[in-house]
Amino acid sequence: MGLLLVVSCGKKSEAKSQIKDFTKEYMNAPDEYRWSIDKIDSTKYVSKEKIMKMREAGGPAGVYKSGIQYAEGDIPKTLTYVTVTFSHKNDSNKTHKETFYFDQEMNRIVAVK
């Protein structure tokens, strides 16, 4: 049980760090939002084609700048995904959820939707 907790905390910490860097670089107004991680899990059900479509879409409409550059490398068959809730600092009614897809080791974000 203790090892599982340490691994889970490590994944959450790594996810927070990478999401913070990603939103700082690509989000249109990163300082206007608070965010929290809702869930970390893994999936084998997101195909390479779906990842490519997510990349082409560029994240939720109007949230991100165009031209997101994802880290190079193959898209793994098993992905770790992190569900995040964003809340506008000045308007609590303005919230949205996003899902960040990572490689299994959580070394890089491969897509966001």
PDB file of N, CA and C in Angstrom:
ATOM      1  N   MET A   1       0.834  -1.199   0.000  1.00  0.00           N
ATOM      2  CA  MET A   1       0.000   0.000   0.000  1.00  0.00           C
ATOM      3  C   MET A   1       0.874   1.256   0.000  1.00  0.00           C
ATOM      4  N   GLY A   2       1.931   1.287   0.799  1.00  0.00           N
ATOM      5  CA  GLY A   2       2.795   2.455   0.878  1.00  0.00           C
ATOM      6  C   GLY A   2       3.479   2.761  -0.439  1.00  0.00           C
ATOM      7  N   LEU A   3       3.948   1.725  -1.139  1.00  0.00           N
ATOM      8  CA  LEU A   3       4.615   1.908  -2.434  1.00  0.00           C
ATOM      9  C   LEU A   3       3.644   2.461  -3.466  1.00  0.00           C
ATOM     10  N   LEU A   4       2.406   1.953  -3.478  1.00  0.00           N
ATOM     11  CA  LEU A   4       1.397   2.449  -4.413  1.00  0.00           C
ATOM     12  C   LEU A   4       1.128   3.929  -4.184  1.00  0.00           C
ATOM     13  N   LEU A   5       1.055   4.343  -2.941  1.00  0.00           N
ATOM     14  CA  LEU A   5       0.836   5.747  -2.607  1.00  0.00           C
ATOM     15  C   LEU A   5       1.988   6.616  -3.091  1.00  0.00           C
ATOM     16  N   VAL A   6       3.220   6.153  -2.906  1.00  0.00           N
ATOM     17  CA  VAL A   6       4.392   6.904  -3.357  1.00  0.00           C
ATOM     18  C   VAL A   6       4.397   7.033  -4.875  1.00  0.00           C
ATOM     19  N   VAL A   7       4.096   5.941  -5.586  1.00  0.00           N
ATOM     20  CA  VAL A   7       4.045   5.984  -7.051  1.00  0.00           C
ATOM     21  C   VAL A   7       2.960   6.944  -7.507  1.00  0.00           C
ATOM     22  N   SER A   8       1.786   6.875  -6.884  1.00  0.00           N
ATOM     23  CA  SER A   8       0.677   7.754  -7.245  1.00  0.00           C
ATOM     24  C   SER A   8       1.032   9.220  -7.004  1.00  0.00           C
ATOM     25  N   CYS A   9       1.642   9.527  -5.870  1.00  0.00           N
ATOM     26  CA  CYS A   9       2.041  10.903  -5.567  1.00  0.00           C
ATOM     27  C   CYS A   9       3.106  11.384  -6.549  1.00  0.00           C
ATOM     28  N   GLY A  10       4.016  10.490  -6.930  1.00  0.00           N
ATOM     29  CA  GLY A  10       5.054  10.838  -7.900  1.00  0.00           C
ATOM     30  C   GLY A  10       4.458  11.169  -9.251  1.00  0.00           C
ATOM     31  N   LYS A  11       3.472  10.373  -9.686  1.00  0.00           N
ATOM     32  CA  LYS A  11       2.814  10.633 -10.969  1.00  0.00           C
ATOM     33  C   LYS A  11       2.062  11.964 -10.926  1.00  0.00           C
ATOM     34  N   LYS A  12       1.389  12.224  -9.825  1.00  0.00           N
ATOM     35  CA  LYS A  12       0.630  13.474  -9.702  1.00  0.00           C
ATOM     36  C   LYS A  12       1.572  14.670  -9.721  1.00  0.00           C
ATOM     37  N   SER A  13       2.690  14.559  -9.044  1.00  0.00           N
ATOM     38  CA  SER A  13       3.670  15.640  -9.012  1.00  0.00           C
ATOM     39  C   SER A  13       4.246  15.883 -10.407  1.00  0.00           C
ATOM     40  N   GLU A  14       4.589  14.811 -11.117  1.00  0.00           N
ATOM     41  CA  GLU A  14       5.120  14.942 -12.479  1.00  0.00           C
ATOM     42  C   GLU A  14       4.074  15.536 -13.409  1.00  0.00           C
ATOM     43  N   ALA A  15       2.826  15.084 -13.277  1.00  0.00           N
ATOM     44  CA  ALA A  15       1.738  15.614 -14.104  1.00  0.00           C
ATOM     45  C   ALA A  15       1.568  17.111 -13.862  1.00  0.00           C
ATOM     46  N   LYS A  16       1.541  17.520 -12.595  1.00  0.00           N
ATOM     47  CA  LYS A  16       1.385  18.942 -12.272  1.00  0.00           C
ATOM     48  C   LYS A  16       2.488  19.776 -12.907  1.00  0.00           C
ATOM     49  N   SER A  17       3.707  19.308 -12.803  1.00  0.00           N
ATOM     50  CA  SER A  17       4.842  20.040 -13.352  1.00  0.00           C
ATOM     51  C   SER A  17       4.721  20.197 -14.867  1.00  0.00           C
ATOM     52  N   GLN A  18       4.415  19.112 -15.549  1.00  0.00           N
ATOM     53  CA  GLN A  18       4.320  19.173 -17.008  1.00  0.00           C
ATOM     54  C   GLN A  18       3.115  19.983 -17.472  1.00  0.00           C
ATOM     55  N   ILE A  19       1.987  19.840 -16.796  1.00  0.00           N
ATOM     56  CA  ILE A  19       0.794  20.607 -17.172  1.00  0.00           C
ATOM     57  C   ILE A  19       1.038  22.093 -16.932  1.00  0.00           C
ATOM     58  N   LYS A  20       1.684  22.435 -15.837  1.00  0.00           N
ATOM     59  CA  LYS A  20       2.003  23.836 -15.550  1.00  0.00           C
ATOM     60  C   LYS A  20       2.864  24.426 -16.670  1.00  0.00           C
ATOM     61  N   ASP A  21       3.918  23.715 -17.067  1.00  0.00           N
ATOM     62  CA  ASP A  21       4.787  24.197 -18.149  1.00  0.00           C
ATOM     63  C   ASP A  21       4.025  24.307 -19.468  1.00  0.00           C
ATOM     64  N   PHE A  22       3.201  23.310 -19.761  1.00  0.00           N
ATOM     65  CA  PHE A  22       2.447  23.289 -21.010  1.00  0.00           C
ATOM     66  C   PHE A  22       1.473  24.466 -21.079  1.00  0.00           C
ATOM     67  N   THR A  23       0.699  24.664 -20.010  1.00  0.00           N
ATOM     68  CA  THR A  23      -0.290  25.755 -20.023  1.00  0.00           C
ATOM     69  C   THR A  23       0.394  27.120 -20.049  1.00  0.00           C
ATOM     70  N   LYS A  24       1.503  27.240 -19.370  1.00  0.00           N
ATOM     71  CA  LYS A  24       2.242  28.506 -19.366  1.00  0.00           C
ATOM     72  C   LYS A  24       2.703  28.870 -20.779  1.00  0.00           C
ATOM     73  N   GLU A  25       3.129  27.863 -21.529  1.00  0.00           N
ATOM     74  CA  GLU A  25       3.634  28.117 -22.874  1.00  0.00           C
ATOM     75  C   GLU A  25       2.525  28.261 -23.921  1.00  0.00           C
ATOM     76  N   TYR A  26       1.463  27.466 -23.812  1.00  0.00           N
ATOM     77  CA  TYR A  26       0.493  27.402 -24.906  1.00  0.00           C
ATOM     78  C   TYR A  26      -0.902  27.952 -24.607  1.00  0.00           C
ATOM     79  N   MET A  27      -1.277  28.110 -23.346  1.00  0.00           N
ATOM     80  CA  MET A  27      -2.615  28.603 -23.032  1.00  0.00           C
ATOM     81  C   MET A  27      -2.692  30.099 -23.299  1.00  0.00           C
ATOM     82  N   ASN A  28      -3.822  30.552 -23.834  1.00  0.00           N
ATOM     83  CA  ASN A  28      -3.992  31.965 -24.149  1.00  0.00           C
ATOM     84  C   ASN A  28      -3.920  32.867 -22.922  1.00  0.00           C
ATOM     85  N   ALA A  29      -4.483  32.452 -21.809  1.00  0.00           N
ATOM     86  CA  ALA A  29      -4.478  33.291 -20.603  1.00  0.00           C
ATOM     87  C   ALA A  29      -4.259  32.420 -19.369  1.00  0.00           C
ATOM     88  N   PRO A  30      -3.066  31.842 -19.213  1.00  0.00           N
ATOM     89  CA  PRO A  30      -2.851  30.890 -18.123  1.00  0.00           C
ATOM     90  C   PRO A  30      -2.999  31.482 -16.721  1.00  0.00           C
ATOM     91  N   ASP A  31      -2.726  32.760 -16.559  1.00  0.00           N
ATOM     92  CA  ASP A  31      -2.803  33.375 -15.234  1.00  0.00           C
ATOM     93  C   ASP A  31      -4.234  33.647 -14.787  1.00  0.00           C
ATOM     94  N   GLU A  32      -5.198  33.473 -15.689  1.00  0.00           N
ATOM     95  CA  GLU A  32      -6.597  33.722 -15.345  1.00  0.00           C
ATOM     96  C   GLU A  32      -7.286  32.490 -14.758  1.00  0.00           C
ATOM     97  N   TYR A  33      -6.577  31.355 -14.714  1.00  0.00           N
ATOM     98  CA  TYR A  33      -7.201  30.108 -14.280  1.00  0.00           C
ATOM     99  C   TYR A  33      -6.477  29.466 -13.103  1.00  0.00           C
ATOM    100  N   ARG A  34      -7.275  28.832 -12.254  1.00  0.00           N
ATOM    101  CA  ARG A  34      -6.779  27.894 -11.258  1.00  0.00           C
ATOM    102  C   ARG A  34      -7.083  26.516 -11.837  1.00  0.00           C
ATOM    103  N   TRP A  35      -6.299  25.541 -11.482  1.00  0.00           N
ATOM    104  CA  TRP A  35      -6.617  24.204 -11.967  1.00  0.00           C
ATOM    105  C   TRP A  35      -6.262  23.154 -10.939  1.00  0.00           C
ATOM    106  N   SER A  36      -6.953  22.027 -11.052  1.00  0.00           N
ATOM    107  CA  SER A  36      -6.695  20.912 -10.145  1.00  0.00           C
ATOM    108  C   SER A  36      -6.831  19.596 -10.909  1.00  0.00           C
ATOM    109  N   ILE A  37      -6.043  18.640 -10.492  1.00  0.00           N
ATOM    110  CA  ILE A  37      -6.086  17.314 -11.104  1.00  0.00           C
ATOM    111  C   ILE A  37      -7.221  16.520 -10.470  1.00  0.00           C
ATOM    112  N   ASP A  38      -8.072  15.979 -11.332  1.00  0.00           N
ATOM    113  CA  ASP A  38      -9.202  15.180 -10.863  1.00  0.00           C
ATOM    114  C   ASP A  38      -8.900  13.690 -10.856  1.00  0.00           C
ATOM    115  N   LYS A  39      -8.189  13.228 -11.881  1.00  0.00           N
ATOM    116  CA  LYS A  39      -7.998  11.790 -12.037  1.00  0.00           C
ATOM    117  C   LYS A  39      -6.739  11.497 -12.836  1.00  0.00           C
ATOM    118  N   ILE A  40      -6.035  10.442 -12.442  1.00  0.00           N
ATOM    119  CA  ILE A  40      -4.906   9.920 -13.214  1.00  0.00           C
ATOM    120  C   ILE A  40      -5.184   8.440 -13.426  1.00  0.00           C
ATOM    121  N   ASP A  41      -5.111   8.015 -14.688  1.00  0.00           N
ATOM    122  CA  ASP A  41      -5.373   6.619 -15.011  1.00  0.00           C
ATOM    123  C   ASP A  41      -4.638   6.280 -16.299  1.00  0.00           C
ATOM    124  N   SER A  42      -4.790   5.058 -16.775  1.00  0.00           N
ATOM    125  CA  SER A  42      -4.157   4.679 -18.036  1.00  0.00           C
ATOM    126  C   SER A  42      -5.195   4.040 -18.947  1.00  0.00           C
ATOM    127  N   THR A  43      -4.877   4.046 -20.247  1.00  0.00           N
ATOM    128  CA  THR A  43      -5.779   3.476 -21.238  1.00  0.00           C
ATOM    129  C   THR A  43      -4.996   2.909 -22.410  1.00  0.00           C
ATOM    130  N   LYS A  44      -5.568   1.878 -22.998  1.00  0.00           N
ATOM    131  CA  LYS A  44      -5.046   1.308 -24.241  1.00  0.00           C
ATOM    132  C   LYS A  44      -6.031   1.575 -25.381  1.00  0.00           C
ATOM    133  N   TYR A  45      -7.087   2.323 -25.112  1.00  0.00           N
ATOM    134  CA  TYR A  45      -8.183   2.483 -26.056  1.00  0.00           C
ATOM    135  C   TYR A  45      -8.154   3.779 -26.860  1.00  0.00           C
ATOM    136  N   VAL A  46      -7.074   4.514 -26.796  1.00  0.00           N
ATOM    137  CA  VAL A  46      -6.943   5.730 -27.593  1.00  0.00           C
ATOM    138  C   VAL A  46      -5.916   5.432 -28.692  1.00  0.00           C
ATOM    139  N   SER A  47      -6.389   5.415 -29.917  1.00  0.00           N
ATOM    140  CA  SER A  47      -5.521   5.040 -31.036  1.00  0.00           C
ATOM    141  C   SER A  47      -4.610   6.189 -31.456  1.00  0.00           C
ATOM    142  N   LYS A  48      -3.604   5.837 -32.224  1.00  0.00           N
ATOM    143  CA  LYS A  48      -2.696   6.839 -32.786  1.00  0.00           C
ATOM    144  C   LYS A  48      -3.484   7.840 -33.628  1.00  0.00           C
ATOM    145  N   GLU A  49      -4.473   7.359 -34.365  1.00  0.00           N
ATOM    146  CA  GLU A  49      -5.303   8.238 -35.198  1.00  0.00           C
ATOM    147  C   GLU A  49      -6.059   9.253 -34.349  1.00  0.00           C
ATOM    148  N   LYS A  50      -6.601   8.807 -33.219  1.00  0.00           N
ATOM    149  CA  LYS A  50      -7.316   9.731 -32.321  1.00  0.00           C
ATOM    150  C   LYS A  50      -6.367  10.777 -31.741  1.00  0.00           C
ATOM    151  N   ILE A  51      -5.160  10.339 -31.382  1.00  0.00           N
ATOM    152  CA  ILE A  51      -4.157  11.280 -30.859  1.00  0.00           C
ATOM    153  C   ILE A  51      -3.838  12.324 -31.927  1.00  0.00           C
ATOM    154  N   MET A  52      -3.658  11.887 -33.166  1.00  0.00           N
ATOM    155  CA  MET A  52      -3.338  12.825 -34.251  1.00  0.00           C
ATOM    156  C   MET A  52      -4.480  13.823 -34.470  1.00  0.00           C
ATOM    157  N   LYS A  53      -5.728  13.371 -34.359  1.00  0.00           N
ATOM    158  CA  LYS A  53      -6.882  14.273 -34.490  1.00  0.00           C
ATOM    159  C   LYS A  53      -6.918  15.286 -33.349  1.00  0.00           C
ATOM    160  N   MET A  54      -6.595  14.837 -32.134  1.00  0.00           N
ATOM    161  CA  MET A  54      -6.541  15.762 -30.988  1.00  0.00           C
ATOM    162  C   MET A  54      -5.465  16.813 -31.219  1.00  0.00           C
ATOM    163  N   ARG A  55      -4.328  16.379 -31.720  1.00  0.00           N
ATOM    164  CA  ARG A  55      -3.241  17.320 -31.989  1.00  0.00           C
ATOM    165  C   ARG A  55      -3.652  18.335 -33.049  1.00  0.00           C
ATOM    166  N   GLU A  56      -4.306  17.883 -34.089  1.00  0.00           N
ATOM    167  CA  GLU A  56      -4.764  18.789 -35.150  1.00  0.00           C
ATOM    168  C   GLU A  56      -5.777  19.796 -34.620  1.00  0.00           C
ATOM    169  N   ALA A  57      -6.636  19.352 -33.712  1.00  0.00           N
ATOM    170  CA  ALA A  57      -7.659  20.243 -33.144  1.00  0.00           C
ATOM    171  C   ALA A  57      -7.030  21.317 -32.262  1.00  0.00           C
ATOM    172  N   GLY A  58      -5.870  21.037 -31.697  1.00  0.00           N
ATOM    173  CA  GLY A  58      -5.172  22.039 -30.896  1.00  0.00           C
ATOM    174  C   GLY A  58      -5.759  22.296 -29.529  1.00  0.00           C
ATOM    175  N   GLY A  59      -6.425  21.309 -28.960  1.00  0.00           N
ATOM    176  CA  GLY A  59      -7.015  21.482 -27.636  1.00  0.00           C
ATOM    177  C   GLY A  59      -8.392  22.113 -27.729  1.00  0.00           C
ATOM    178  N   PRO A  60      -9.025  22.365 -26.600  1.00  0.00           N
ATOM    179  CA  PRO A  60     -10.355  22.970 -26.592  1.00  0.00           C
ATOM    180  C   PRO A  60     -10.356  24.327 -27.310  1.00  0.00           C
ATOM    181  N   ALA A  61     -11.407  24.583 -28.062  1.00  0.00           N
ATOM    182  CA  ALA A  61     -11.511  25.799 -28.877  1.00  0.00           C
ATOM    183  C   ALA A  61     -11.291  27.066 -28.062  1.00  0.00           C
ATOM    184  N   GLY A  62     -10.368  27.898 -28.536  1.00  0.00           N
ATOM    185  CA  GLY A  62     -10.120  29.198 -27.935  1.00  0.00           C
ATOM    186  C   GLY A  62      -9.259  29.192 -26.688  1.00  0.00           C
ATOM    187  N   VAL A  63      -8.922  28.022 -26.184  1.00  0.00           N
ATOM    188  CA  VAL A  63      -8.166  27.946 -24.937  1.00  0.00           C
ATOM    189  C   VAL A  63      -6.666  28.078 -25.186  1.00  0.00           C
ATOM    190  N   TYR A  64      -6.196  27.468 -26.271  1.00  0.00           N
ATOM    191  CA  TYR A  64      -4.769  27.431 -26.544  1.00  0.00           C
ATOM    192  C   TYR A  64      -4.392  28.225 -27.784  1.00  0.00           C
ATOM    193  N   LYS A  65      -3.159  28.677 -27.789  1.00  0.00           N
ATOM    194  CA  LYS A  65      -2.582  29.335 -28.959  1.00  0.00           C
ATOM    195  C   LYS A  65      -2.425  28.287 -30.061  1.00  0.00           C
ATOM    196  N   SER A  66      -2.335  28.732 -31.277  1.00  0.00           N
ATOM    197  CA  SER A  66      -2.093  27.783 -32.361  1.00  0.00           C
ATOM    198  C   SER A  66      -0.623  27.387 -32.366  1.00  0.00           C
ATOM    199  N   GLY A  67      -0.325  26.263 -32.992  1.00  0.00           N
ATOM    200  CA  GLY A  67       1.058  25.840 -33.136  1.00  0.00           C
ATOM    201  C   GLY A  67       1.640  25.101 -31.953  1.00  0.00           C
ATOM    202  N   ILE A  68       0.819  24.342 -31.237  1.00  0.00           N
ATOM    203  CA  ILE A  68       1.340  23.560 -30.113  1.00  0.00           C
ATOM    204  C   ILE A  68       2.366  22.563 -30.644  1.00  0.00           C
ATOM    205  N   GLN A  69       3.510  22.527 -29.998  1.00  0.00           N
ATOM    206  CA  GLN A  69       4.574  21.592 -30.369  1.00  0.00           C
ATOM    207  C   GLN A  69       4.659  20.502 -29.302  1.00  0.00           C
ATOM    208  N   TYR A  70       4.288  19.297 -29.672  1.00  0.00           N
ATOM    209  CA  TYR A  70       4.382  18.177 -28.743  1.00  0.00           C
ATOM    210  C   TYR A  70       5.773  17.565 -28.838  1.00  0.00           C
ATOM    211  N   ALA A  71       6.221  16.951 -27.764  1.00  0.00           N
ATOM    212  CA  ALA A  71       7.540  16.306 -27.742  1.00  0.00           C
ATOM    213  C   ALA A  71       7.584  15.208 -28.798  1.00  0.00           C
ATOM    214  N   GLU A  72       8.744  15.037 -29.379  1.00  0.00           N
ATOM    215  CA  GLU A  72       8.914  14.011 -30.402  1.00  0.00           C
ATOM    216  C   GLU A  72       8.908  12.627 -29.779  1.00  0.00           C
ATOM    217  N   GLY A  73       8.627  11.653 -30.605  1.00  0.00           N
ATOM    218  CA  GLY A  73       8.652  10.266 -30.152  1.00  0.00           C
ATOM    219  C   GLY A  73       7.409   9.538 -30.599  1.00  0.00           C
ATOM    220  N   ASP A  74       7.481   8.225 -30.549  1.00  0.00           N
ATOM    221  CA  ASP A  74       6.341   7.394 -30.923  1.00  0.00           C
ATOM    222  C   ASP A  74       5.198   7.605 -29.941  1.00  0.00           C
ATOM    223  N   ILE A  75       4.001   7.355 -30.435  1.00  0.00           N
ATOM    224  CA  ILE A  75       2.827   7.406 -29.568  1.00  0.00           C
ATOM    225  C   ILE A  75       2.640   5.995 -29.013  1.00  0.00           C
ATOM    226  N   PRO A  76       2.783   5.839 -27.714  1.00  0.00           N
ATOM    227  CA  PRO A  76       2.713   4.501 -27.129  1.00  0.00           C
ATOM    228  C   PRO A  76       1.306   3.918 -27.169  1.00  0.00           C
ATOM    229  N   LYS A  77       1.230   2.603 -27.096  1.00  0.00           N
ATOM    230  CA  LYS A  77      -0.071   1.920 -27.102  1.00  0.00           C
ATOM    231  C   LYS A  77      -0.824   2.144 -25.802  1.00  0.00           C
ATOM    232  N   THR A  78      -0.100   2.220 -24.700  1.00  0.00           N
ATOM    233  CA  THR A  78      -0.723   2.508 -23.406  1.00  0.00           C
ATOM    234  C   THR A  78      -0.366   3.934 -23.019  1.00  0.00           C
ATOM    235  N   LEU A  79      -1.390   4.727 -22.744  1.00  0.00           N
ATOM    236  CA  LEU A  79      -1.203   6.129 -22.370  1.00  0.00           C
ATOM    237  C   LEU A  79      -1.670   6.350 -20.938  1.00  0.00           C
ATOM    238  N   THR A  80      -1.018   7.252 -20.256  1.00  0.00           N
ATOM    239  CA  THR A  80      -1.510   7.723 -18.967  1.00  0.00           C
ATOM    240  C   THR A  80      -2.276   9.002 -19.249  1.00  0.00           C
ATOM    241  N   TYR A  81      -3.475   9.109 -18.704  1.00  0.00           N
ATOM    242  CA  TYR A  81      -4.232  10.343 -18.914  1.00  0.00           C
ATOM    243  C   TYR A  81      -4.557  11.003 -17.585  1.00  0.00           C
ATOM    244  N   VAL A  82      -4.631  12.318 -17.649  1.00  0.00           N
ATOM    245  CA  VAL A  82      -4.873  13.127 -16.462  1.00  0.00           C
ATOM    246  C   VAL A  82      -6.034  14.063 -16.778  1.00  0.00           C
ATOM    247  N   THR A  83      -7.090  13.973 -15.989  1.00  0.00           N
ATOM    248  CA  THR A  83      -8.239  14.863 -16.154  1.00  0.00           C
ATOM    249  C   THR A  83      -8.053  16.050 -15.221  1.00  0.00           C
ATOM    250  N   VAL A  84      -8.204  17.256 -15.786  1.00  0.00           N
ATOM    251  CA  VAL A  84      -7.946  18.494 -15.048  1.00  0.00           C
ATOM    252  C   VAL A  84      -9.161  19.409 -15.157  1.00  0.00           C
ATOM    253  N   THR A  85      -9.535  20.034 -14.050  1.00  0.00           N
ATOM    254  CA  THR A  85     -10.588  21.044 -14.052  1.00  0.00           C
ATOM    255  C   THR A  85      -9.938  22.410 -13.962  1.00  0.00           C
ATOM    256  N   PHE A  86     -10.290  23.291 -14.901  1.00  0.00           N
ATOM    257  CA  PHE A  86      -9.821  24.672 -14.914  1.00  0.00           C
ATOM    258  C   PHE A  86     -10.969  25.561 -14.470  1.00  0.00           C
ATOM    259  N   SER A  87     -10.712  26.462 -13.532  1.00  0.00           N
ATOM    260  CA  SER A  87     -11.711  27.418 -13.043  1.00  0.00           C
ATOM    261  C   SER A  87     -11.162  28.825 -13.213  1.00  0.00           C
ATOM    262  N   HIS A  88     -11.962  29.705 -13.807  1.00  0.00           N
ATOM    263  CA  HIS A  88     -11.544  31.087 -13.996  1.00  0.00           C
ATOM    264  C   HIS A  88     -11.464  31.759 -12.630  1.00  0.00           C
ATOM    265  N   LYS A  89     -10.382  32.469 -12.369  1.00  0.00           N
ATOM    266  CA  LYS A  89     -10.159  33.090 -11.057  1.00  0.00           C
ATOM    267  C   LYS A  89     -11.207  34.138 -10.714  1.00  0.00           C
ATOM    268  N   ASN A  90     -11.724  34.843 -11.720  1.00  0.00           N
ATOM    269  CA  ASN A  90     -12.670  35.935 -11.452  1.00  0.00           C
ATOM    270  C   ASN A  90     -14.126  35.572 -11.719  1.00  0.00           C
ATOM    271  N   ASP A  91     -14.382  34.365 -12.195  1.00  0.00           N
ATOM    272  CA  ASP A  91     -15.752  33.961 -12.507  1.00  0.00           C
ATOM    273  C   ASP A  91     -15.876  32.465 -12.264  1.00  0.00           C
ATOM    274  N   SER A  92     -16.383  32.097 -11.091  1.00  0.00           N
ATOM    275  CA  SER A  92     -16.455  30.683 -10.722  1.00  0.00           C
ATOM    276  C   SER A  92     -17.390  29.885 -11.626  1.00  0.00           C
ATOM    277  N   ASN A  93     -18.234  30.555 -12.399  1.00  0.00           N
ATOM    278  CA  ASN A  93     -19.120  29.857 -13.333  1.00  0.00           C
ATOM    279  C   ASN A  93     -18.394  29.446 -14.612  1.00  0.00           C
ATOM    280  N   LYS A  94     -17.201  29.996 -14.828  1.00  0.00           N
ATOM    281  CA  LYS A  94     -16.415  29.671 -16.012  1.00  0.00           C
ATOM    282  C   LYS A  94     -15.433  28.567 -15.673  1.00  0.00           C
ATOM    283  N   THR A  95     -15.867  27.338 -15.899  1.00  0.00           N
ATOM    284  CA  THR A  95     -14.984  26.196 -15.674  1.00  0.00           C
ATOM    285  C   THR A  95     -15.019  25.292 -16.898  1.00  0.00           C
ATOM    286  N   HIS A  96     -13.959  24.569 -17.090  1.00  0.00           N
ATOM    287  CA  HIS A  96     -13.946  23.544 -18.135  1.00  0.00           C
ATOM    288  C   HIS A  96     -12.972  22.440 -17.736  1.00  0.00           C
ATOM    289  N   LYS A  97     -13.176  21.279 -18.324  1.00  0.00           N
ATOM    290  CA  LYS A  97     -12.301  20.136 -18.072  1.00  0.00           C
ATOM    291  C   LYS A  97     -11.492  19.838 -19.321  1.00  0.00           C
ATOM    292  N   GLU A  98     -10.291  19.368 -19.096  1.00  0.00           N
ATOM    293  CA  GLU A  98      -9.421  18.935 -20.176  1.00  0.00           C
ATOM    294  C   GLU A  98      -8.798  17.615 -19.773  1.00  0.00           C
ATOM    295  N   THR A  99      -8.413  16.851 -20.784  1.00  0.00           N
ATOM    296  CA  THR A  99      -7.688  15.606 -20.552  1.00  0.00           C
ATOM    297  C   THR A  99      -6.335  15.716 -21.225  1.00  0.00           C
ATOM    298  N   PHE A 100      -5.306  15.501 -20.452  1.00  0.00           N
ATOM    299  CA  PHE A 100      -3.935  15.495 -20.955  1.00  0.00           C
ATOM    300  C   PHE A 100      -3.499  14.045 -21.073  1.00  0.00           C
ATOM    301  N   TYR A 101      -2.977  13.679 -22.237  1.00  0.00           N
ATOM    302  CA  TYR A 101      -2.478  12.324 -22.469  1.00  0.00           C
ATOM    303  C   TYR A 101      -0.953  12.344 -22.449  1.00  0.00           C
ATOM    304  N   PHE A 102      -0.380  11.453 -21.649  1.00  0.00           N
ATOM    305  CA  PHE A 102       1.066  11.338 -21.475  1.00  0.00           C
ATOM    306  C   PHE A 102       1.519   9.968 -21.963  1.00  0.00           C
ATOM    307  N   ASP A 103       2.831   9.841 -22.217  1.00  0.00           N
ATOM    308  CA  ASP A 103       3.379   8.500 -22.392  1.00  0.00           C
ATOM    309  C   ASP A 103       3.267   7.812 -21.030  1.00  0.00           C
ATOM    310  N   GLN A 104       3.453   6.514 -21.001  1.00  0.00           N
ATOM    311  CA  GLN A 104       3.211   5.754 -19.779  1.00  0.00           C
ATOM    312  C   GLN A 104       4.131   6.165 -18.631  1.00  0.00           C
ATOM    313  N   GLU A 105       5.341   6.596 -18.952  1.00  0.00           N
ATOM    314  CA  GLU A 105       6.287   7.010 -17.911  1.00  0.00           C
ATOM    315  C   GLU A 105       6.050   8.454 -17.463  1.00  0.00           C
ATOM    316  N   MET A 106       5.140   9.142 -18.137  1.00  0.00           N
ATOM    317  CA  MET A 106       4.793  10.539 -17.864  1.00  0.00           C
ATOM    318  C   MET A 106       5.971  11.481 -18.114  1.00  0.00           C
ATOM    319  N   ASN A 107       6.769  11.152 -19.138  1.00  0.00           N
ATOM    320  CA  ASN A 107       7.880  12.008 -19.532  1.00  0.00           C
ATOM    321  C   ASN A 107       7.467  13.111 -20.484  1.00  0.00           C
ATOM    322  N   ARG A 108       6.318  12.944 -21.175  1.00  0.00           N
ATOM    323  CA  ARG A 108       5.916  13.935 -22.161  1.00  0.00           C
ATOM    324  C   ARG A 108       4.412  13.883 -22.381  1.00  0.00           C
ATOM    325  N   ILE A 109       3.859  15.038 -22.692  1.00  0.00           N
ATOM    326  CA  ILE A 109       2.448  15.142 -23.070  1.00  0.00           C
ATOM    327  C   ILE A 109       2.368  14.836 -24.552  1.00  0.00           C
ATOM    328  N   VAL A 110       1.469  13.902 -24.922  1.00  0.00           N
ATOM    329  CA  VAL A 110       1.352  13.548 -26.338  1.00  0.00           C
ATOM    330  C   VAL A 110       0.125  14.172 -26.988  1.00  0.00           C
ATOM    331  N   ALA A 111      -0.863  14.616 -26.183  1.00  0.00           N
ATOM    332  CA  ALA A 111      -2.048  15.298 -26.722  1.00  0.00           C
ATOM    333  C   ALA A 111      -2.857  15.882 -25.576  1.00  0.00           C
ATOM    334  N   VAL A 112      -3.745  16.816 -25.941  1.00  0.00           N
ATOM    335  CA  VAL A 112      -4.677  17.398 -24.976  1.00  0.00           C
ATOM    336  C   VAL A 112      -6.017  17.578 -25.668  1.00  0.00           C
ATOM    337  N   LYS A 113      -7.090  17.338 -24.933  1.00  0.00           N
ATOM    338  CA  LYS A 113      -8.436  17.582 -25.473  1.00  0.00           C
ATOM    339  C   LYS A 113      -9.334  18.091 -24.379  1.00  0.00           C
TER     340      LYS A 113
END
